[in-house]
Amino acid sequence: MSECGNEQVGTALLLRPAQREVMMHVHMALWAKGSMSRYFLELAYNGSAYRGWQRQPSAPSVQAEVERALRFVLHVPELFVVGCGRTDTGVHATQYFLHFDLPEARELDERFVHGVNSLLPEDIAVYRVFPVSDEAHARFSATERGYVYLINGRKDPFLAGRSYQLQPELDLESMTAAVPALLGKQDFSSFCLAGSDAKTMLCDVRRAEWVRTEAGYRFTIRADRYLRNMVRAIVGTFVRIGKGQQPPGHMAEVIAARDRAAAGKSAPARGLYLEYVSYPFLPE
């Protein structure tokens, strides 16, 4: 955990849930009146030490660390951020966006980025900040997100917590043959965590690919949206195929079943990275 060493910031973090909700409503009211200026922040993080992105009442989170640093640098005790998604415990991000609102426009430059980074732990880094329109939203304005999943074929201390160590060797040809079943807009209920409150199970998978790497294998997927635990469940199903436990056609059968029990065991969180987020107002 980072140490901002500031009592004012600590007090803000100790707001009761009801107080925090009131402050968020105040921010929303000011934003609705056009009194707030909105900024996007791009960052990356190693999620090994955190209980996911989202702020938790009694566990470390990436969101809490970022909010603490921003409050200190900006001298705004009740600042809240909105992330582009909620990564789970142990999941990483090489590209992540969030937005926050300020009561007035400010010149936030490299000195601001440096100041925030100086207060963040080593496993979280801010890359840039830029102003956006009031309509820009880190979560709802995103048009596509991409994940990668890393598998290493032998024990490597430098990949501990950052890749899934798996032996024996997987059949890359069989896994590749199963990829086309994922593509397109379809119901991915079979890869959704049980008890999810998602309003729809439809997702449009636009790209999926397995490649061999020096350490093992890398899976890349891009889609308009994802269900809870979706990518890890997909990778777990691919692993079944790669081990020869199921044929390539098994992937299509799992999707058609619309039953989580039909899919493979979820792959560990440590191999998963959010690595791409697309917005219509940002250049590729």
C-alpha atoms as a PDB file:
ATOM      1  CA  MET A   1       0.000   0.000   0.000  1.00  0.00           C
ATOM      2  CA  SER A   2       1.199   3.491  -0.718  1.00  0.00           C
ATOM      3  CA  GLU A   3       1.651   6.027   2.047  1.00  0.00           C
ATOM      4  CA  CYS A   4       0.516   9.521   1.176  1.00  0.00           C
ATOM      5  CA  GLY A   5       1.295  10.730   4.669  1.00  0.00           C
ATOM      6  CA  ASN A   6      -1.578  13.207   4.757  1.00  0.00           C
ATOM      7  CA  GLU A   7      -4.286  13.278   7.436  1.00  0.00           C
ATOM      8  CA  GLN A   8      -6.717  15.132   5.172  1.00  0.00           C
ATOM      9  CA  VAL A   9      -6.552  12.369   2.588  1.00  0.00           C
ATOM     10  CA  GLY A  10      -6.879   9.711   5.264  1.00  0.00           C
ATOM     11  CA  THR A  11     -10.000  11.407   6.612  1.00  0.00           C
ATOM     12  CA  ALA A  12     -11.575  11.424   3.149  1.00  0.00           C
ATOM     13  CA  LEU A  13     -10.990   7.708   2.805  1.00  0.00           C
ATOM     14  CA  LEU A  14     -12.706   7.103   6.147  1.00  0.00           C
ATOM     15  CA  LEU A  15     -15.994   8.619   5.023  1.00  0.00           C
ATOM     16  CA  ARG A  16     -18.905   6.407   5.899  1.00  0.00           C
ATOM     17  CA  PRO A  17     -20.775   4.814   2.977  1.00  0.00           C
ATOM     18  CA  ALA A  18     -23.736   7.191   3.463  1.00  0.00           C
ATOM     19  CA  GLN A  19     -21.422  10.230   3.482  1.00  0.00           C
ATOM     20  CA  ARG A  20     -19.598   8.974   0.425  1.00  0.00           C
ATOM     21  CA  GLU A  21     -22.902   8.486  -1.393  1.00  0.00           C
ATOM     22  CA  VAL A  22     -23.946  12.064  -0.554  1.00  0.00           C
ATOM     23  CA  MET A  23     -20.666  13.415  -1.929  1.00  0.00           C
ATOM     24  CA  MET A  24     -21.101  11.418  -5.130  1.00  0.00           C
ATOM     25  CA  HIS A  25     -24.601  12.856  -5.554  1.00  0.00           C
ATOM     26  CA  VAL A  26     -23.179  16.357  -5.081  1.00  0.00           C
ATOM     27  CA  HIS A  27     -20.599  15.690  -7.776  1.00  0.00           C
ATOM     28  CA  MET A  28     -23.295  14.409 -10.121  1.00  0.00           C
ATOM     29  CA  ALA A  29     -25.432  17.503  -9.491  1.00  0.00           C
ATOM     30  CA  LEU A  30     -22.524  19.830 -10.255  1.00  0.00           C
ATOM     31  CA  TRP A  31     -21.673  17.868 -13.377  1.00  0.00           C
ATOM     32  CA  ALA A  32     -25.308  18.063 -14.561  1.00  0.00           C
ATOM     33  CA  LYS A  33     -25.168  21.840 -14.223  1.00  0.00           C
ATOM     34  CA  GLY A  34     -22.046  21.973 -16.351  1.00  0.00           C
ATOM     35  CA  SER A  35     -19.932  23.100 -13.383  1.00  0.00           C
ATOM     36  CA  MET A  36     -17.395  20.270 -13.556  1.00  0.00           C
ATOM     37  CA  SER A  37     -14.404  19.666 -15.829  1.00  0.00           C
ATOM     38  CA  ARG A  38     -13.709  16.052 -16.810  1.00  0.00           C
ATOM     39  CA  TYR A  39     -10.321  14.374 -17.283  1.00  0.00           C
ATOM     40  CA  PHE A  40      -9.178  10.974 -18.500  1.00  0.00           C
ATOM     41  CA  LEU A  41      -6.220   9.226 -16.906  1.00  0.00           C
ATOM     42  CA  GLU A  42      -4.317   6.364 -18.560  1.00  0.00           C
ATOM     43  CA  LEU A  43      -2.525   3.955 -16.260  1.00  0.00           C
ATOM     44  CA  ALA A  44      -1.256   0.395 -15.848  1.00  0.00           C
ATOM     45  CA  TYR A  45      -0.936  -1.917 -12.888  1.00  0.00           C
ATOM     46  CA  ASN A  46       0.256  -5.273 -11.645  1.00  0.00           C
ATOM     47  CA  GLY A  47      -2.818  -6.630  -9.883  1.00  0.00           C
ATOM     48  CA  SER A  48      -1.078  -9.288  -7.777  1.00  0.00           C
ATOM     49  CA  ALA A  49      -1.344  -7.374  -4.500  1.00  0.00           C
ATOM     50  CA  TYR A  50      -4.913  -6.133  -4.925  1.00  0.00           C
ATOM     51  CA  ARG A  51      -8.448  -7.400  -4.466  1.00  0.00           C
ATOM     52  CA  GLY A  52      -9.225  -6.188  -7.955  1.00  0.00           C
ATOM     53  CA  TRP A  53      -9.738  -2.699  -9.366  1.00  0.00           C
ATOM     54  CA  GLN A  54     -12.839  -1.706  -7.418  1.00  0.00           C
ATOM     55  CA  ARG A  55     -12.632  -0.028  -4.029  1.00  0.00           C
ATOM     56  CA  GLN A  56     -13.188  -2.485  -1.145  1.00  0.00           C
ATOM     57  CA  PRO A  57     -14.195  -1.657   2.452  1.00  0.00           C
ATOM     58  CA  SER A  58     -11.410  -3.691   4.081  1.00  0.00           C
ATOM     59  CA  ALA A  59      -9.062  -4.915   1.341  1.00  0.00           C
ATOM     60  CA  PRO A  60      -6.467  -3.252  -0.916  1.00  0.00           C
ATOM     61  CA  SER A  61      -7.677  -2.147  -4.353  1.00  0.00           C
ATOM     62  CA  VAL A  62      -6.180  -0.271  -7.278  1.00  0.00           C
ATOM     63  CA  GLN A  63      -9.007   2.276  -7.250  1.00  0.00           C
ATOM     64  CA  ALA A  64      -8.396   3.196  -3.611  1.00  0.00           C
ATOM     65  CA  GLU A  65      -4.677   3.739  -4.241  1.00  0.00           C
ATOM     66  CA  VAL A  66      -5.311   5.960  -7.252  1.00  0.00           C
ATOM     67  CA  GLU A  67      -8.000   8.006  -5.506  1.00  0.00           C
ATOM     68  CA  ARG A  68      -5.742   8.536  -2.497  1.00  0.00           C
ATOM     69  CA  ALA A  69      -2.912   9.877  -4.661  1.00  0.00           C
ATOM     70  CA  LEU A  70      -5.195  12.105  -6.764  1.00  0.00           C
ATOM     71  CA  ARG A  71      -6.824  13.624  -3.686  1.00  0.00           C
ATOM     72  CA  PHE A  72      -3.448  14.523  -2.255  1.00  0.00           C
ATOM     73  CA  VAL A  73      -2.021  16.062  -5.451  1.00  0.00           C
ATOM     74  CA  LEU A  74      -5.204  17.906  -6.437  1.00  0.00           C
ATOM     75  CA  HIS A  75      -6.166  18.936  -2.871  1.00  0.00           C
ATOM     76  CA  VAL A  76      -9.683  17.573  -3.409  1.00  0.00           C
ATOM     77  CA  PRO A  77     -10.560  15.415  -0.348  1.00  0.00           C
ATOM     78  CA  GLU A  78     -13.735  13.923  -1.856  1.00  0.00           C
ATOM     79  CA  LEU A  79     -12.556  13.023  -5.347  1.00  0.00           C
ATOM     80  CA  PHE A  80     -13.903   9.814  -6.907  1.00  0.00           C
ATOM     81  CA  VAL A  81     -12.848   8.093 -10.126  1.00  0.00           C
ATOM     82  CA  VAL A  82     -14.774   5.955 -12.615  1.00  0.00           C
ATOM     83  CA  GLY A  83     -12.828   3.129 -14.255  1.00  0.00           C
ATOM     84  CA  CYS A  84     -13.227   1.555 -17.683  1.00  0.00           C
ATOM     85  CA  GLY A  85     -14.004  -1.805 -16.099  1.00  0.00           C
ATOM     86  CA  ARG A  86     -13.649  -3.944 -12.992  1.00  0.00           C
ATOM     87  CA  THR A  87     -10.721  -6.337 -13.092  1.00  0.00           C
ATOM     88  CA  ASP A  88     -10.849  -9.179 -10.565  1.00  0.00           C
ATOM     89  CA  THR A  89      -8.412 -10.074  -7.811  1.00  0.00           C
ATOM     90  CA  GLY A  90      -4.947 -10.715  -9.231  1.00  0.00           C
ATOM     91  CA  VAL A  91      -5.757  -9.529 -12.768  1.00  0.00           C
ATOM     92  CA  HIS A  92      -3.384  -7.003 -14.364  1.00  0.00           C
ATOM     93  CA  ALA A  93      -3.764  -4.113 -16.813  1.00  0.00           C
ATOM     94  CA  THR A  94      -1.204  -2.778 -19.278  1.00  0.00           C
ATOM     95  CA  GLN A  95      -3.725  -0.178 -20.449  1.00  0.00           C
ATOM     96  CA  TYR A  96      -6.508   1.151 -18.269  1.00  0.00           C
ATOM     97  CA  PHE A  97      -8.512   4.384 -18.399  1.00  0.00           C
ATOM     98  CA  LEU A  98     -10.464   6.212 -15.742  1.00  0.00           C
ATOM     99  CA  HIS A  99     -12.173   9.579 -15.546  1.00  0.00           C
ATOM    100  CA  PHE A 100     -12.616  12.093 -12.767  1.00  0.00           C
ATOM    101  CA  ASP A 101     -14.293  15.485 -12.447  1.00  0.00           C
ATOM    102  CA  LEU A 102     -12.955  18.710 -10.954  1.00  0.00           C
ATOM    103  CA  PRO A 103     -14.918  21.806  -9.908  1.00  0.00           C
ATOM    104  CA  GLU A 104     -12.847  23.929 -12.303  1.00  0.00           C
ATOM    105  CA  ALA A 105     -10.577  23.438 -15.300  1.00  0.00           C
ATOM    106  CA  ARG A 106      -6.886  22.918 -14.501  1.00  0.00           C
ATOM    107  CA  GLU A 107      -3.663  22.581 -16.455  1.00  0.00           C
ATOM    108  CA  LEU A 108      -2.640  19.020 -15.698  1.00  0.00           C
ATOM    109  CA  ASP A 109       0.710  18.285 -17.303  1.00  0.00           C
ATOM    110  CA  GLU A 110       3.740  16.049 -16.840  1.00  0.00           C
ATOM    111  CA  ARG A 111       4.392  17.551 -13.409  1.00  0.00           C
ATOM    112  CA  PHE A 112       0.965  16.349 -12.335  1.00  0.00           C
ATOM    113  CA  VAL A 113       1.670  12.848 -13.702  1.00  0.00           C
ATOM    114  CA  HIS A 114       5.017  12.788 -11.899  1.00  0.00           C
ATOM    115  CA  GLY A 115       3.407  13.939  -8.659  1.00  0.00           C
ATOM    116  CA  VAL A 116       0.742  11.230  -8.767  1.00  0.00           C
ATOM    117  CA  ASN A 117       3.298   8.539  -9.631  1.00  0.00           C
ATOM    118  CA  SER A 118       5.484   9.594  -6.708  1.00  0.00           C
ATOM    119  CA  LEU A 119       2.617   8.737  -4.345  1.00  0.00           C
ATOM    120  CA  LEU A 120       1.560   5.473  -5.968  1.00  0.00           C
ATOM    121  CA  PRO A 121       3.113   2.097  -5.110  1.00  0.00           C
ATOM    122  CA  GLU A 122       5.568   0.629  -7.603  1.00  0.00           C
ATOM    123  CA  ASP A 123       2.968  -1.714  -9.080  1.00  0.00           C
ATOM    124  CA  ILE A 124       0.729   1.134 -10.332  1.00  0.00           C
ATOM    125  CA  ALA A 125       1.859   3.712 -12.909  1.00  0.00           C
ATOM    126  CA  VAL A 126       0.090   6.690 -14.484  1.00  0.00           C
ATOM    127  CA  TYR A 127       1.072   7.385 -18.101  1.00  0.00           C
ATOM    128  CA  ARG A 128      -0.892  10.477 -19.080  1.00  0.00           C
ATOM    129  CA  VAL A 129      -3.838  12.740 -18.307  1.00  0.00           C
ATOM    130  CA  PHE A 130      -5.960  14.774 -20.713  1.00  0.00           C
ATOM    131  CA  PRO A 131      -9.214  16.766 -20.682  1.00  0.00           C
ATOM    132  CA  VAL A 132     -12.312  15.334 -22.344  1.00  0.00           C
ATOM    133  CA  SER A 133     -15.862  16.460 -22.969  1.00  0.00           C
ATOM    134  CA  ASP A 134     -18.562  16.100 -20.335  1.00  0.00           C
ATOM    135  CA  GLU A 135     -20.093  13.261 -22.362  1.00  0.00           C
ATOM    136  CA  ALA A 136     -16.917  11.135 -22.352  1.00  0.00           C
ATOM    137  CA  HIS A 137     -17.235   8.229 -19.934  1.00  0.00           C
ATOM    138  CA  ALA A 138     -14.430   5.805 -19.099  1.00  0.00           C
ATOM    139  CA  ARG A 139     -16.758   2.809 -18.952  1.00  0.00           C
ATOM    140  CA  PHE A 140     -19.733   3.506 -21.184  1.00  0.00           C
ATOM    141  CA  SER A 141     -17.898   5.312 -24.006  1.00  0.00           C
ATOM    142  CA  ALA A 142     -15.513   2.391 -24.615  1.00  0.00           C
ATOM    143  CA  THR A 143     -16.268   0.647 -27.908  1.00  0.00           C
ATOM    144  CA  GLU A 144     -13.873  -2.300 -27.586  1.00  0.00           C
ATOM    145  CA  ARG A 145     -11.671  -3.912 -24.967  1.00  0.00           C
ATOM    146  CA  GLY A 146      -8.863  -6.373 -25.420  1.00  0.00           C
ATOM    147  CA  TYR A 147      -7.340  -8.940 -23.078  1.00  0.00           C
ATOM    148  CA  VAL A 148      -4.304 -11.179 -23.308  1.00  0.00           C
ATOM    149  CA  TYR A 149      -3.716 -14.353 -21.345  1.00  0.00           C
ATOM    150  CA  LEU A 150      -0.181 -15.651 -20.792  1.00  0.00           C
ATOM    151  CA  ILE A 151       0.807 -19.274 -20.206  1.00  0.00           C
ATOM    152  CA  ASN A 152       4.409 -20.283 -19.502  1.00  0.00           C
ATOM    153  CA  GLY A 153       5.554 -23.841 -20.064  1.00  0.00           C
ATOM    154  CA  ARG A 154       8.173 -24.056 -17.325  1.00  0.00           C
ATOM    155  CA  LYS A 155       8.745 -22.647 -13.866  1.00  0.00           C
ATOM    156  CA  ASP A 156      10.119 -19.116 -14.079  1.00  0.00           C
ATOM    157  CA  PRO A 157      10.586 -16.995 -10.937  1.00  0.00           C
ATOM    158  CA  PHE A 158      10.400 -13.814 -13.016  1.00  0.00           C
ATOM    159  CA  LEU A 159       6.918 -14.729 -14.224  1.00  0.00           C
ATOM    160  CA  ALA A 160       5.567 -15.637 -10.788  1.00  0.00           C
ATOM    161  CA  GLY A 161       2.191 -13.971 -10.314  1.00  0.00           C
ATOM    162  CA  ARG A 162       2.210 -12.722 -13.906  1.00  0.00           C
ATOM    163  CA  SER A 163       1.595 -15.872 -15.946  1.00  0.00           C
ATOM    164  CA  TYR A 164      -0.043 -19.294 -15.645  1.00  0.00           C
ATOM    165  CA  GLN A 165       2.547 -22.036 -15.338  1.00  0.00           C
ATOM    166  CA  LEU A 166       1.176 -25.075 -17.140  1.00  0.00           C
ATOM    167  CA  GLN A 167       2.693 -28.371 -18.217  1.00  0.00           C
ATOM    168  CA  PRO A 168       2.736 -30.458 -20.360  1.00  0.00           C
ATOM    169  CA  GLU A 169       2.869 -28.777 -23.771  1.00  0.00           C
ATOM    170  CA  LEU A 170      -0.465 -27.790 -25.306  1.00  0.00           C
ATOM    171  CA  ASP A 171      -1.635 -28.636 -28.823  1.00  0.00           C
ATOM    172  CA  LEU A 172      -1.577 -25.195 -30.430  1.00  0.00           C
ATOM    173  CA  GLU A 173      -3.052 -26.481 -33.700  1.00  0.00           C
ATOM    174  CA  SER A 174      -6.142 -27.883 -31.965  1.00  0.00           C
ATOM    175  CA  MET A 175      -6.667 -24.702 -29.932  1.00  0.00           C
ATOM    176  CA  THR A 176      -6.373 -22.587 -33.067  1.00  0.00           C
ATOM    177  CA  ALA A 177      -8.924 -24.782 -34.809  1.00  0.00           C
ATOM    178  CA  ALA A 178     -11.393 -24.041 -32.004  1.00  0.00           C
ATOM    179  CA  VAL A 179     -11.030 -20.242 -32.269  1.00  0.00           C
ATOM    180  CA  PRO A 180     -13.609 -19.561 -35.044  1.00  0.00           C
ATOM    181  CA  ALA A 181     -16.438 -20.782 -32.792  1.00  0.00           C
ATOM    182  CA  LEU A 182     -15.863 -17.734 -30.576  1.00  0.00           C
ATOM    183  CA  LEU A 183     -16.128 -15.076 -33.261  1.00  0.00           C
ATOM    184  CA  GLY A 184     -19.197 -12.941 -33.806  1.00  0.00           C
ATOM    185  CA  LYS A 185     -22.099 -11.745 -31.690  1.00  0.00           C
ATOM    186  CA  GLN A 186     -23.598 -14.586 -29.680  1.00  0.00           C
ATOM    187  CA  ASP A 187     -24.738 -15.743 -26.249  1.00  0.00           C
ATOM    188  CA  PHE A 188     -21.772 -16.472 -23.969  1.00  0.00           C
ATOM    189  CA  SER A 189     -23.746 -17.721 -20.954  1.00  0.00           C
ATOM    190  CA  SER A 190     -21.479 -20.771 -20.718  1.00  0.00           C
ATOM    191  CA  PHE A 191     -18.551 -18.529 -19.831  1.00  0.00           C
ATOM    192  CA  CYS A 192     -20.314 -16.313 -17.298  1.00  0.00           C
ATOM    193  CA  LEU A 193     -19.822 -16.594 -13.549  1.00  0.00           C
ATOM    194  CA  ALA A 194     -22.872 -18.090 -11.856  1.00  0.00           C
ATOM    195  CA  GLY A 195     -25.128 -15.515 -10.230  1.00  0.00           C
ATOM    196  CA  SER A 196     -24.142 -12.688 -12.568  1.00  0.00           C
ATOM    197  CA  ASP A 197     -26.571  -9.767 -12.783  1.00  0.00           C
ATOM    198  CA  ALA A 198     -25.697  -9.015 -16.427  1.00  0.00           C
ATOM    199  CA  LYS A 199     -28.728  -7.775 -18.376  1.00  0.00           C
ATOM    200  CA  THR A 200     -27.667  -9.627 -21.515  1.00  0.00           C
ATOM    201  CA  MET A 201     -25.307 -12.496 -22.273  1.00  0.00           C
ATOM    202  CA  LEU A 202     -24.673 -11.293 -25.833  1.00  0.00           C
ATOM    203  CA  CYS A 203     -21.104 -10.274 -26.660  1.00  0.00           C
ATOM    204  CA  ASP A 204     -19.488  -9.488 -29.996  1.00  0.00           C
ATOM    205  CA  VAL A 205     -16.057 -11.156 -30.131  1.00  0.00           C
ATOM    206  CA  ARG A 206     -14.153  -9.489 -32.964  1.00  0.00           C
ATOM    207  CA  ARG A 207     -10.755 -11.132 -32.630  1.00  0.00           C
ATOM    208  CA  ALA A 208      -9.341 -14.229 -30.958  1.00  0.00           C
ATOM    209  CA  GLU A 209      -5.903 -15.728 -31.504  1.00  0.00           C
ATOM    210  CA  TRP A 210      -3.418 -18.137 -29.948  1.00  0.00           C
ATOM    211  CA  VAL A 211       0.308 -17.760 -30.634  1.00  0.00           C
ATOM    212  CA  ARG A 212       3.383 -19.516 -29.331  1.00  0.00           C
ATOM    213  CA  THR A 213       5.831 -17.364 -27.385  1.00  0.00           C
ATOM    214  CA  GLU A 214       9.355 -17.946 -26.116  1.00  0.00           C
ATOM    215  CA  ALA A 215       7.933 -18.719 -22.657  1.00  0.00           C
ATOM    216  CA  GLY A 216       4.834 -20.617 -23.763  1.00  0.00           C
ATOM    217  CA  TYR A 217       1.565 -19.310 -25.241  1.00  0.00           C
ATOM    218  CA  ARG A 218      -0.375 -16.069 -25.544  1.00  0.00           C
ATOM    219  CA  PHE A 219      -4.111 -15.774 -26.129  1.00  0.00           C
ATOM    220  CA  THR A 220      -5.520 -12.471 -27.420  1.00  0.00           C
ATOM    221  CA  ILE A 221      -9.201 -11.564 -27.498  1.00  0.00           C
ATOM    222  CA  ARG A 222     -11.089  -8.375 -28.369  1.00  0.00           C
ATOM    223  CA  ALA A 223     -14.802  -7.755 -27.954  1.00  0.00           C
ATOM    224  CA  ASP A 224     -17.341  -5.010 -27.424  1.00  0.00           C
ATOM    225  CA  ARG A 225     -18.065  -6.249 -23.902  1.00  0.00           C
ATOM    226  CA  TYR A 226     -17.388  -9.163 -21.560  1.00  0.00           C
ATOM    227  CA  LEU A 227     -19.241 -11.150 -18.949  1.00  0.00           C
ATOM    228  CA  ARG A 228     -17.909 -11.730 -15.447  1.00  0.00           C
ATOM    229  CA  ASN A 229     -15.049 -14.258 -15.551  1.00  0.00           C
ATOM    230  CA  MET A 230     -15.600 -14.750 -19.302  1.00  0.00           C
ATOM    231  CA  VAL A 231     -12.026 -14.686 -20.585  1.00  0.00           C
ATOM    232  CA  ARG A 232     -10.664 -16.972 -17.886  1.00  0.00           C
ATOM    233  CA  ALA A 233     -13.461 -19.489 -18.529  1.00  0.00           C
ATOM    234  CA  ILE A 234     -12.744 -19.380 -22.258  1.00  0.00           C
ATOM    235  CA  VAL A 235      -9.034 -19.996 -21.642  1.00  0.00           C
ATOM    236  CA  GLY A 236      -9.870 -22.880 -19.309  1.00  0.00           C
ATOM    237  CA  THR A 237     -11.954 -24.461 -22.068  1.00  0.00           C
ATOM    238  CA  PHE A 238      -9.122 -23.995 -24.569  1.00  0.00           C
ATOM    239  CA  VAL A 239      -6.756 -25.714 -22.137  1.00  0.00           C
ATOM    240  CA  ARG A 240      -9.040 -28.762 -22.163  1.00  0.00           C
ATOM    241  CA  ILE A 241      -8.721 -28.835 -25.943  1.00  0.00           C
ATOM    242  CA  GLY A 242      -4.976 -28.180 -25.856  1.00  0.00           C
ATOM    243  CA  LYS A 243      -4.457 -31.120 -23.489  1.00  0.00           C
ATOM    244  CA  GLY A 244      -6.381 -33.414 -25.820  1.00  0.00           C
ATOM    245  CA  GLN A 245      -9.224 -33.895 -23.348  1.00  0.00           C
ATOM    246  CA  GLN A 246     -11.710 -32.512 -25.870  1.00  0.00           C
ATOM    247  CA  PRO A 247     -11.678 -32.039 -29.686  1.00  0.00           C
ATOM    248  CA  PRO A 248     -11.658 -28.560 -31.282  1.00  0.00           C
ATOM    249  CA  GLY A 249     -15.411 -28.832 -31.923  1.00  0.00           C
ATOM    250  CA  HIS A 250     -15.972 -28.830 -28.164  1.00  0.00           C
ATOM    251  CA  MET A 251     -15.805 -25.023 -28.102  1.00  0.00           C
ATOM    252  CA  ALA A 252     -18.893 -24.671 -30.306  1.00  0.00           C
ATOM    253  CA  GLU A 253     -20.707 -27.262 -28.195  1.00  0.00           C
ATOM    254  CA  VAL A 254     -19.946 -25.373 -24.990  1.00  0.00           C
ATOM    255  CA  ILE A 255     -21.244 -22.096 -26.431  1.00  0.00           C
ATOM    256  CA  ALA A 256     -24.424 -23.778 -27.684  1.00  0.00           C
ATOM    257  CA  ALA A 257     -25.068 -25.331 -24.260  1.00  0.00           C
ATOM    258  CA  ARG A 258     -25.467 -21.921 -22.549  1.00  0.00           C
ATOM    259  CA  ASP A 259     -24.483 -23.632 -19.327  1.00  0.00           C
ATOM    260  CA  ARG A 260     -21.455 -22.709 -17.207  1.00  0.00           C
ATOM    261  CA  ALA A 261     -21.046 -26.354 -16.211  1.00  0.00           C
ATOM    262  CA  ALA A 262     -20.294 -27.236 -19.852  1.00  0.00           C
ATOM    263  CA  ALA A 263     -17.178 -25.043 -19.971  1.00  0.00           C
ATOM    264  CA  GLY A 264     -13.747 -25.707 -18.520  1.00  0.00           C
ATOM    265  CA  LYS A 265     -12.436 -24.616 -15.150  1.00  0.00           C
ATOM    266  CA  SER A 266     -11.488 -20.934 -15.086  1.00  0.00           C
ATOM    267  CA  ALA A 267      -7.813 -20.301 -15.702  1.00  0.00           C
ATOM    268  CA  PRO A 268      -5.993 -18.524 -12.828  1.00  0.00           C
ATOM    269  CA  ALA A 269      -6.299 -14.738 -12.624  1.00  0.00           C
ATOM    270  CA  ARG A 270      -2.532 -14.175 -12.632  1.00  0.00           C
ATOM    271  CA  GLY A 271      -2.211 -14.796 -16.377  1.00  0.00           C
ATOM    272  CA  LEU A 272      -4.867 -12.264 -17.437  1.00  0.00           C
ATOM    273  CA  TYR A 273      -4.159  -8.704 -18.614  1.00  0.00           C
ATOM    274  CA  LEU A 274      -6.465  -5.956 -19.818  1.00  0.00           C
ATOM    275  CA  GLU A 275      -4.297  -4.573 -22.613  1.00  0.00           C
ATOM    276  CA  TYR A 276      -6.469  -2.469 -24.886  1.00  0.00           C
ATOM    277  CA  VAL A 277      -9.406  -0.058 -24.536  1.00  0.00           C
ATOM    278  CA  SER A 278     -10.801   1.826 -27.527  1.00  0.00           C
ATOM    279  CA  TYR A 279     -12.733   5.107 -27.540  1.00  0.00           C
ATOM    280  CA  PRO A 280     -14.178   6.970 -30.540  1.00  0.00           C
ATOM    281  CA  PHE A 281     -12.476  10.211 -29.445  1.00  0.00           C
ATOM    282  CA  LEU A 282      -8.981   8.703 -29.040  1.00  0.00           C
ATOM    283  CA  PRO A 283      -6.650   7.959 -31.984  1.00  0.00           C
ATOM    284  CA  GLU A 284      -5.579   4.345 -32.452  1.00  0.00           C
END
